[in-house]
N, C-alpha and C. Protein backbone atom coordinates (compact mmCIF):
# COMPACT_ATOMS: atom_id res chain seq x y z
N MET A 1 27.34 -32.17 -38.76
CA MET A 1 25.92 -32.33 -38.44
C MET A 1 25.52 -32.81 -37.01
N SER A 2 24.85 -32.21 -36.18
CA SER A 2 24.42 -32.54 -34.95
C SER A 2 23.69 -34.03 -34.42
N ASN A 3 23.96 -34.40 -33.42
CA ASN A 3 23.48 -35.62 -32.94
C ASN A 3 22.08 -35.42 -32.34
N HIS A 4 21.37 -34.16 -32.33
CA HIS A 4 19.91 -34.01 -32.11
C HIS A 4 19.07 -34.20 -33.17
N ALA A 5 18.00 -34.85 -32.95
CA ALA A 5 17.00 -34.99 -33.54
C ALA A 5 16.54 -33.70 -34.02
N VAL A 6 15.92 -33.70 -35.04
CA VAL A 6 15.23 -32.73 -36.03
C VAL A 6 13.87 -32.87 -36.18
N PHE A 7 13.07 -32.32 -35.94
CA PHE A 7 11.69 -32.37 -35.91
C PHE A 7 11.00 -31.60 -36.89
N LEU A 8 10.45 -32.74 -37.88
CA LEU A 8 9.67 -31.78 -38.77
C LEU A 8 8.35 -30.78 -38.45
N LYS A 9 7.94 -31.23 -37.43
CA LYS A 9 7.16 -30.69 -36.99
C LYS A 9 7.01 -30.85 -35.11
N PRO A 10 6.69 -29.59 -34.52
CA PRO A 10 6.86 -29.89 -32.99
C PRO A 10 6.38 -31.10 -32.63
N PRO A 11 7.04 -31.83 -31.47
CA PRO A 11 6.23 -32.83 -30.94
C PRO A 11 5.29 -32.68 -30.08
N LYS A 12 4.02 -33.24 -30.00
CA LYS A 12 2.72 -32.88 -29.34
C LYS A 12 3.34 -32.87 -27.53
N VAL A 13 3.40 -32.18 -26.83
CA VAL A 13 3.57 -32.00 -25.63
C VAL A 13 2.24 -31.83 -24.79
N VAL A 14 2.36 -32.42 -23.60
CA VAL A 14 1.19 -32.32 -22.58
C VAL A 14 1.68 -31.51 -21.36
N TYR A 15 1.15 -30.60 -21.00
CA TYR A 15 1.36 -29.66 -19.73
C TYR A 15 0.47 -30.38 -18.34
N PRO A 16 1.07 -31.26 -17.74
CA PRO A 16 0.32 -31.84 -16.64
C PRO A 16 -0.26 -30.74 -15.67
N PHE A 17 0.29 -29.74 -15.36
CA PHE A 17 0.07 -28.82 -14.14
C PHE A 17 -0.30 -27.58 -15.13
N GLY A 18 -0.38 -27.61 -16.36
CA GLY A 18 -0.67 -26.36 -16.90
C GLY A 18 0.71 -25.34 -17.36
N TYR A 19 0.35 -24.18 -17.61
CA TYR A 19 1.26 -23.36 -18.20
C TYR A 19 1.53 -22.19 -16.87
N PRO A 20 2.70 -21.64 -16.87
CA PRO A 20 2.84 -20.94 -15.53
C PRO A 20 2.00 -19.76 -15.93
N SER A 21 1.59 -19.30 -14.63
CA SER A 21 0.87 -18.28 -14.61
C SER A 21 1.58 -16.86 -14.25
N GLY A 22 1.18 -15.92 -15.07
CA GLY A 22 2.40 -14.50 -14.58
C GLY A 22 3.42 -14.55 -15.82
N THR A 23 3.48 -13.71 -16.10
CA THR A 23 4.63 -13.50 -17.09
C THR A 23 6.04 -13.05 -16.54
N ASN A 24 6.25 -12.66 -15.39
CA ASN A 24 7.36 -12.61 -14.55
C ASN A 24 7.79 -13.73 -13.72
N MET A 25 7.20 -14.81 -13.80
CA MET A 25 7.84 -15.82 -13.10
C MET A 25 8.75 -16.65 -13.73
N GLN A 26 9.85 -16.85 -13.11
CA GLN A 26 11.12 -17.31 -13.39
C GLN A 26 10.87 -19.01 -12.96
N VAL A 27 10.95 -19.56 -14.31
CA VAL A 27 10.61 -21.27 -14.32
C VAL A 27 11.86 -22.09 -15.26
N LEU A 28 12.06 -22.88 -14.61
CA LEU A 28 12.86 -24.29 -15.20
C LEU A 28 11.94 -25.30 -15.79
N TRP A 29 12.21 -25.98 -16.82
CA TRP A 29 11.46 -26.78 -17.73
C TRP A 29 12.19 -28.24 -17.46
N ARG A 30 11.26 -29.25 -17.39
CA ARG A 30 11.55 -30.78 -17.49
C ARG A 30 10.81 -31.46 -18.18
N CYS A 31 11.38 -32.05 -19.27
CA CYS A 31 10.54 -32.94 -20.30
C CYS A 31 10.65 -34.33 -19.87
N GLU A 32 9.54 -35.31 -19.79
CA GLU A 32 9.75 -36.60 -19.53
C GLU A 32 8.51 -37.45 -20.35
N ALA A 33 8.87 -38.53 -20.65
CA ALA A 33 7.85 -39.59 -21.21
C ALA A 33 7.08 -39.96 -19.99
N GLN A 34 5.62 -39.99 -20.22
CA GLN A 34 5.07 -40.77 -19.38
C GLN A 34 3.82 -41.65 -19.95
N ARG A 35 3.98 -42.99 -19.07
CA ARG A 35 2.76 -44.10 -19.99
C ARG A 35 1.79 -44.10 -18.39
N TYR A 36 1.16 -44.34 -18.67
CA TYR A 36 -0.26 -44.84 -17.68
C TYR A 36 -0.98 -46.40 -17.77
N SER A 37 -1.00 -46.70 -16.47
CA SER A 37 -1.61 -48.24 -16.64
C SER A 37 -3.00 -48.00 -16.48
N TYR A 38 -3.72 -49.03 -17.13
CA TYR A 38 -5.13 -49.09 -16.52
C TYR A 38 -5.69 -50.31 -16.60
N VAL A 39 -6.97 -50.86 -16.40
CA VAL A 39 -7.55 -52.06 -15.63
C VAL A 39 -8.20 -52.46 -17.05
N ILE A 40 -7.97 -53.45 -17.49
CA ILE A 40 -8.51 -54.31 -18.78
C ILE A 40 -9.74 -55.11 -18.23
N ASP A 41 -9.32 -56.09 -17.32
CA ASP A 41 -10.41 -56.92 -16.70
C ASP A 41 -9.71 -57.07 -15.39
N ALA A 42 -10.20 -56.55 -14.24
CA ALA A 42 -10.25 -56.84 -12.78
C ALA A 42 -10.17 -58.12 -12.18
N ASP A 43 -10.91 -58.79 -12.92
CA ASP A 43 -11.52 -60.32 -12.38
C ASP A 43 -10.65 -60.88 -13.10
N ALA A 44 -10.16 -60.88 -14.22
CA ALA A 44 -8.97 -61.54 -14.75
C ALA A 44 -7.17 -61.11 -14.51
N ASP A 45 -7.31 -60.13 -13.90
CA ASP A 45 -5.90 -59.81 -13.16
C ASP A 45 -5.54 -59.16 -14.63
N ARG A 46 -6.02 -58.33 -15.36
CA ARG A 46 -5.36 -57.82 -16.69
C ARG A 46 -5.21 -56.50 -16.76
N TYR A 47 -4.21 -56.11 -17.16
CA TYR A 47 -3.53 -54.47 -16.97
C TYR A 47 -3.44 -54.27 -18.12
N GLY A 48 -3.51 -52.98 -18.57
CA GLY A 48 -2.72 -52.39 -19.94
C GLY A 48 -1.72 -50.98 -19.51
N VAL A 49 -1.24 -50.70 -20.76
CA VAL A 49 -0.58 -49.42 -20.78
C VAL A 49 -0.83 -48.54 -21.71
N THR A 50 -0.50 -47.32 -21.35
CA THR A 50 -1.20 -46.26 -23.02
C THR A 50 0.21 -46.16 -23.28
N GLU A 51 -0.14 -45.60 -24.60
CA GLU A 51 1.07 -44.78 -25.65
C GLU A 51 1.72 -44.19 -24.62
N PRO A 52 3.00 -43.56 -24.59
CA PRO A 52 3.82 -42.55 -24.04
C PRO A 52 3.48 -41.45 -24.80
N GLU A 53 3.43 -40.25 -23.65
CA GLU A 53 3.37 -38.98 -24.16
C GLU A 53 4.33 -38.10 -23.60
N LEU A 54 4.81 -37.25 -24.24
CA LEU A 54 5.81 -36.18 -23.75
C LEU A 54 5.00 -34.99 -22.62
N GLN A 55 5.84 -35.28 -21.33
CA GLN A 55 4.97 -34.16 -20.70
C GLN A 55 6.18 -32.92 -20.23
N MET A 56 5.84 -31.86 -20.36
CA MET A 56 6.32 -30.94 -20.06
C MET A 56 6.29 -29.93 -18.60
N THR A 57 6.85 -30.21 -17.49
CA THR A 57 6.53 -29.64 -16.04
C THR A 57 7.46 -28.62 -16.13
N TRP A 58 6.75 -27.50 -15.40
CA TRP A 58 7.86 -26.53 -14.71
C TRP A 58 7.99 -26.24 -13.48
N TYR A 59 9.06 -25.73 -13.11
CA TYR A 59 9.32 -25.52 -11.62
C TYR A 59 9.59 -23.91 -11.52
N ALA A 60 8.94 -23.33 -10.44
CA ALA A 60 9.05 -21.84 -10.15
C ALA A 60 10.49 -22.17 -9.31
N ILE A 61 11.37 -20.93 -9.96
CA ILE A 61 12.77 -20.57 -9.10
C ILE A 61 12.45 -20.11 -8.00
N THR A 62 12.81 -20.72 -6.71
CA THR A 62 12.60 -19.75 -5.43
C THR A 62 13.88 -19.01 -5.00
N ARG A 63 14.87 -19.63 -5.55
CA ARG A 63 16.15 -18.79 -5.17
C ARG A 63 16.97 -18.61 -6.36
N ARG A 64 17.92 -17.48 -6.68
CA ARG A 64 18.98 -17.83 -7.92
C ARG A 64 20.19 -17.47 -7.56
N THR A 65 21.15 -18.31 -7.96
CA THR A 65 22.89 -18.17 -7.48
C THR A 65 22.95 -17.78 -8.72
N PRO A 66 24.47 -17.35 -8.76
CA PRO A 66 25.22 -16.85 -9.84
C PRO A 66 25.68 -18.20 -11.10
N LYS A 67 25.66 -19.46 -10.08
CA LYS A 67 25.82 -20.57 -11.01
C LYS A 67 24.46 -21.47 -11.39
N GLY A 68 23.23 -21.46 -10.61
CA GLY A 68 22.24 -22.22 -10.85
C GLY A 68 21.07 -21.60 -10.19
N ALA A 69 20.35 -22.25 -9.74
CA ALA A 69 18.77 -22.11 -9.40
C ALA A 69 18.25 -23.06 -8.29
N TRP A 70 17.63 -22.75 -7.04
CA TRP A 70 16.71 -23.68 -6.54
C TRP A 70 15.42 -23.73 -6.98
N ILE A 71 15.03 -25.24 -7.19
CA ILE A 71 13.40 -25.32 -7.78
C ILE A 71 12.96 -26.62 -6.64
N SER A 72 12.10 -26.58 -5.74
CA SER A 72 11.45 -27.71 -5.42
C SER A 72 12.45 -28.37 -4.38
N GLY A 73 13.13 -27.27 -3.51
CA GLY A 73 14.17 -28.01 -2.79
C GLY A 73 15.29 -28.50 -3.22
N ARG A 74 15.58 -28.26 -4.67
CA ARG A 74 16.96 -29.25 -5.35
C ARG A 74 17.47 -27.95 -6.02
N PHE A 75 18.88 -27.96 -5.93
CA PHE A 75 19.72 -27.26 -6.75
C PHE A 75 19.81 -27.71 -8.14
N VAL A 76 19.85 -26.68 -9.36
CA VAL A 76 19.92 -27.16 -10.62
C VAL A 76 21.29 -26.44 -11.17
N LEU A 77 22.46 -27.09 -11.08
CA LEU A 77 23.52 -26.10 -11.87
C LEU A 77 23.16 -25.75 -13.24
N LEU A 78 23.00 -24.44 -13.57
CA LEU A 78 22.74 -24.08 -14.81
C LEU A 78 24.01 -23.80 -15.96
N THR A 79 25.26 -24.05 -15.49
CA THR A 79 26.30 -24.18 -16.02
C THR A 79 27.09 -25.37 -16.27
N ALA A 80 25.98 -26.48 -15.97
CA ALA A 80 26.54 -27.59 -16.07
C ALA A 80 26.04 -28.16 -17.77
N THR A 81 26.63 -28.87 -18.16
CA THR A 81 26.24 -29.68 -19.52
C THR A 81 24.92 -30.50 -19.04
N LYS A 82 24.58 -31.55 -18.18
CA LYS A 82 23.84 -32.25 -17.65
C LYS A 82 23.04 -31.46 -16.51
N ARG A 83 21.81 -31.11 -17.28
CA ARG A 83 20.92 -30.50 -16.03
C ARG A 83 19.87 -31.14 -15.87
N TRP A 84 19.02 -31.21 -14.16
CA TRP A 84 18.07 -31.94 -14.58
C TRP A 84 16.95 -30.81 -15.09
N ALA A 85 16.78 -29.78 -14.83
CA ALA A 85 15.96 -29.28 -15.62
C ALA A 85 16.33 -27.75 -16.16
N CYS A 86 15.90 -27.20 -17.37
CA CYS A 86 16.44 -26.18 -18.24
C CYS A 86 15.84 -25.22 -18.05
N PRO A 87 16.26 -23.91 -19.01
CA PRO A 87 15.88 -22.64 -18.89
C PRO A 87 14.83 -22.80 -19.72
N THR A 88 14.87 -23.40 -20.91
CA THR A 88 13.72 -23.30 -22.03
C THR A 88 13.19 -24.55 -22.13
N GLN A 89 12.23 -24.79 -23.05
CA GLN A 89 11.43 -25.99 -23.15
C GLN A 89 12.21 -26.72 -24.37
N GLU A 90 12.87 -26.12 -25.13
CA GLU A 90 13.65 -26.35 -26.18
C GLU A 90 14.95 -27.08 -25.58
N GLU A 91 15.35 -26.57 -24.60
CA GLU A 91 16.36 -27.21 -23.88
C GLU A 91 15.94 -28.30 -22.98
N ALA A 92 14.93 -28.44 -22.51
CA ALA A 92 14.45 -29.26 -22.09
C ALA A 92 14.11 -30.71 -22.93
N ILE A 93 13.92 -30.56 -24.23
CA ILE A 93 13.40 -31.63 -24.72
C ILE A 93 15.00 -32.02 -25.16
N GLU A 94 15.86 -31.26 -25.93
CA GLU A 94 17.04 -31.66 -25.93
C GLU A 94 17.44 -32.58 -24.87
N SER A 95 17.62 -32.19 -23.55
CA SER A 95 17.86 -32.88 -22.46
C SER A 95 17.14 -34.32 -22.31
N PHE A 96 15.82 -34.43 -22.80
CA PHE A 96 15.18 -35.49 -22.69
C PHE A 96 15.66 -36.61 -23.68
N ILE A 97 15.99 -35.95 -24.77
CA ILE A 97 16.77 -36.99 -25.99
C ILE A 97 18.01 -37.46 -26.02
N ALA A 98 18.82 -36.52 -25.17
CA ALA A 98 20.05 -37.13 -24.50
C ALA A 98 20.08 -37.92 -23.45
N ARG A 99 19.02 -38.04 -22.29
CA ARG A 99 18.76 -38.76 -21.37
C ARG A 99 18.24 -40.24 -21.91
N LYS A 100 17.43 -40.03 -23.01
CA LYS A 100 16.99 -41.47 -23.48
C LYS A 100 17.99 -42.05 -24.40
N GLN A 101 18.95 -41.17 -25.23
CA GLN A 101 19.80 -41.95 -25.75
C GLN A 101 20.85 -42.67 -25.13
N LYS A 102 21.27 -41.95 -23.78
CA LYS A 102 22.25 -42.65 -22.92
C LYS A 102 21.50 -43.91 -22.25
N HIS A 103 20.11 -43.85 -21.99
CA HIS A 103 19.54 -45.10 -21.44
C HIS A 103 19.56 -46.14 -22.52
N ILE A 104 19.37 -45.81 -23.93
CA ILE A 104 19.48 -46.91 -24.84
C ILE A 104 20.82 -47.41 -25.02
N ARG A 105 21.89 -46.82 -25.03
CA ARG A 105 23.10 -47.18 -24.83
C ARG A 105 23.58 -48.06 -23.37
N VAL A 106 23.22 -47.70 -22.39
CA VAL A 106 23.07 -48.52 -21.17
C VAL A 106 22.35 -50.02 -21.27
N LEU A 107 21.33 -50.00 -21.77
CA LEU A 107 20.41 -51.26 -22.03
C LEU A 107 21.35 -52.24 -23.39
N MET A 108 21.62 -51.36 -24.20
CA MET A 108 22.54 -52.43 -25.34
C MET A 108 23.59 -52.98 -24.53
N ALA A 109 24.25 -52.35 -23.87
CA ALA A 109 25.68 -52.96 -23.05
C ALA A 109 24.79 -54.11 -22.19
N GLN A 110 23.92 -53.85 -21.79
CA GLN A 110 23.41 -55.00 -20.50
C GLN A 110 23.06 -56.00 -21.42
N LEU A 111 22.56 -55.71 -22.42
CA LEU A 111 21.90 -56.89 -23.84
C LEU A 111 23.28 -57.65 -24.12
N LYS A 112 24.08 -56.75 -24.35
CA LYS A 112 25.55 -57.77 -24.89
C LYS A 112 25.81 -58.69 -23.91
N ARG A 113 25.90 -58.08 -22.69
CA ARG A 113 26.44 -59.00 -21.59
C ARG A 113 25.67 -60.36 -21.38
N VAL A 114 24.08 -60.02 -21.63
CA VAL A 114 23.36 -61.09 -21.32
C VAL A 114 23.65 -61.99 -22.37
N GLU A 115 23.85 -61.46 -23.30
CA GLU A 115 23.98 -62.60 -24.72
C GLU A 115 25.30 -63.14 -24.71
N GLU A 116 26.06 -62.49 -24.07
CA GLU A 116 27.58 -63.05 -24.15
C GLU A 116 27.42 -64.34 -22.72
N ASP A 117 26.51 -64.08 -21.99
CA ASP A 117 26.15 -64.81 -20.68
C ASP A 117 25.45 -66.01 -21.03
N MET A 118 24.73 -65.94 -22.22
CA MET A 118 23.99 -67.15 -22.43
C MET A 118 24.94 -68.18 -23.53
N ALA A 119 25.70 -67.29 -24.25
CA ALA A 119 26.58 -67.85 -25.16
C ALA A 119 27.71 -69.00 -24.39
N LEU A 120 27.64 -68.80 -23.14
CA LEU A 120 28.73 -69.59 -22.43
C LEU A 120 27.90 -71.01 -22.26
N ALA A 121 26.39 -70.98 -22.01
CA ALA A 121 26.04 -72.51 -21.99
C ALA A 121 25.77 -73.06 -23.38
N HIS A 122 25.90 -72.57 -24.45
CA HIS A 122 25.82 -72.98 -25.94
C HIS A 122 26.44 -74.24 -25.79
N PRO A 123 27.88 -74.58 -25.66
CA PRO A 123 28.58 -75.48 -25.75
C PRO A 123 28.40 -76.83 -24.65
N LEU A 124 27.42 -76.41 -23.78
CA LEU A 124 26.62 -77.45 -23.19
C LEU A 124 25.81 -77.80 -23.35
N ARG A 125 24.62 -77.08 -24.10
CA ARG A 125 23.47 -77.67 -24.56
C ARG A 125 23.43 -76.82 -25.91
N PRO A 126 23.54 -77.18 -27.12
CA PRO A 126 23.66 -76.61 -28.48
C PRO A 126 21.95 -76.06 -28.75
N THR A 127 21.18 -76.53 -28.16
CA THR A 127 19.91 -76.14 -28.65
C THR A 127 19.28 -75.00 -27.90
N LEU A 128 20.49 -74.68 -26.82
CA LEU A 128 19.80 -73.28 -26.46
C LEU A 128 20.41 -71.91 -27.63
N ARG A 129 19.38 -71.19 -27.71
CA ARG A 129 19.63 -70.16 -29.02
C ARG A 129 19.34 -68.71 -28.06
N CYS A 130 19.95 -67.72 -28.63
CA CYS A 130 19.65 -66.43 -27.93
C CYS A 130 18.42 -65.93 -29.13
N ALA A 131 17.36 -65.12 -28.80
CA ALA A 131 16.35 -65.19 -29.32
C ALA A 131 16.71 -64.07 -30.40
């Protein structure tokens, strides 16, 4: 069984720059989660944040090489496992999932270290507890 998420229905994806025009245009895709901040009450300095949405952004390929492609002044190695942008939208979603899984692993390791650091203070102040 694969580590990739299985969607029962396709995720809702937003295209902030629309869909590429022209059928012959070669593009690479990148999927990212996006949240926007908004003002709740400017006088009270209260702000909120929207629910996240998946955004699919396309980048026109300006030059292709045997191993990759140039997009917006950035070289993307298409033979690599980890790519900044992908040839298909499905691969872009898989890449997004892999990036977020890695993000979770990094944050879990940081949390573990912080909890270990907090445990150092317990012999000194037994009333301190990790939440």
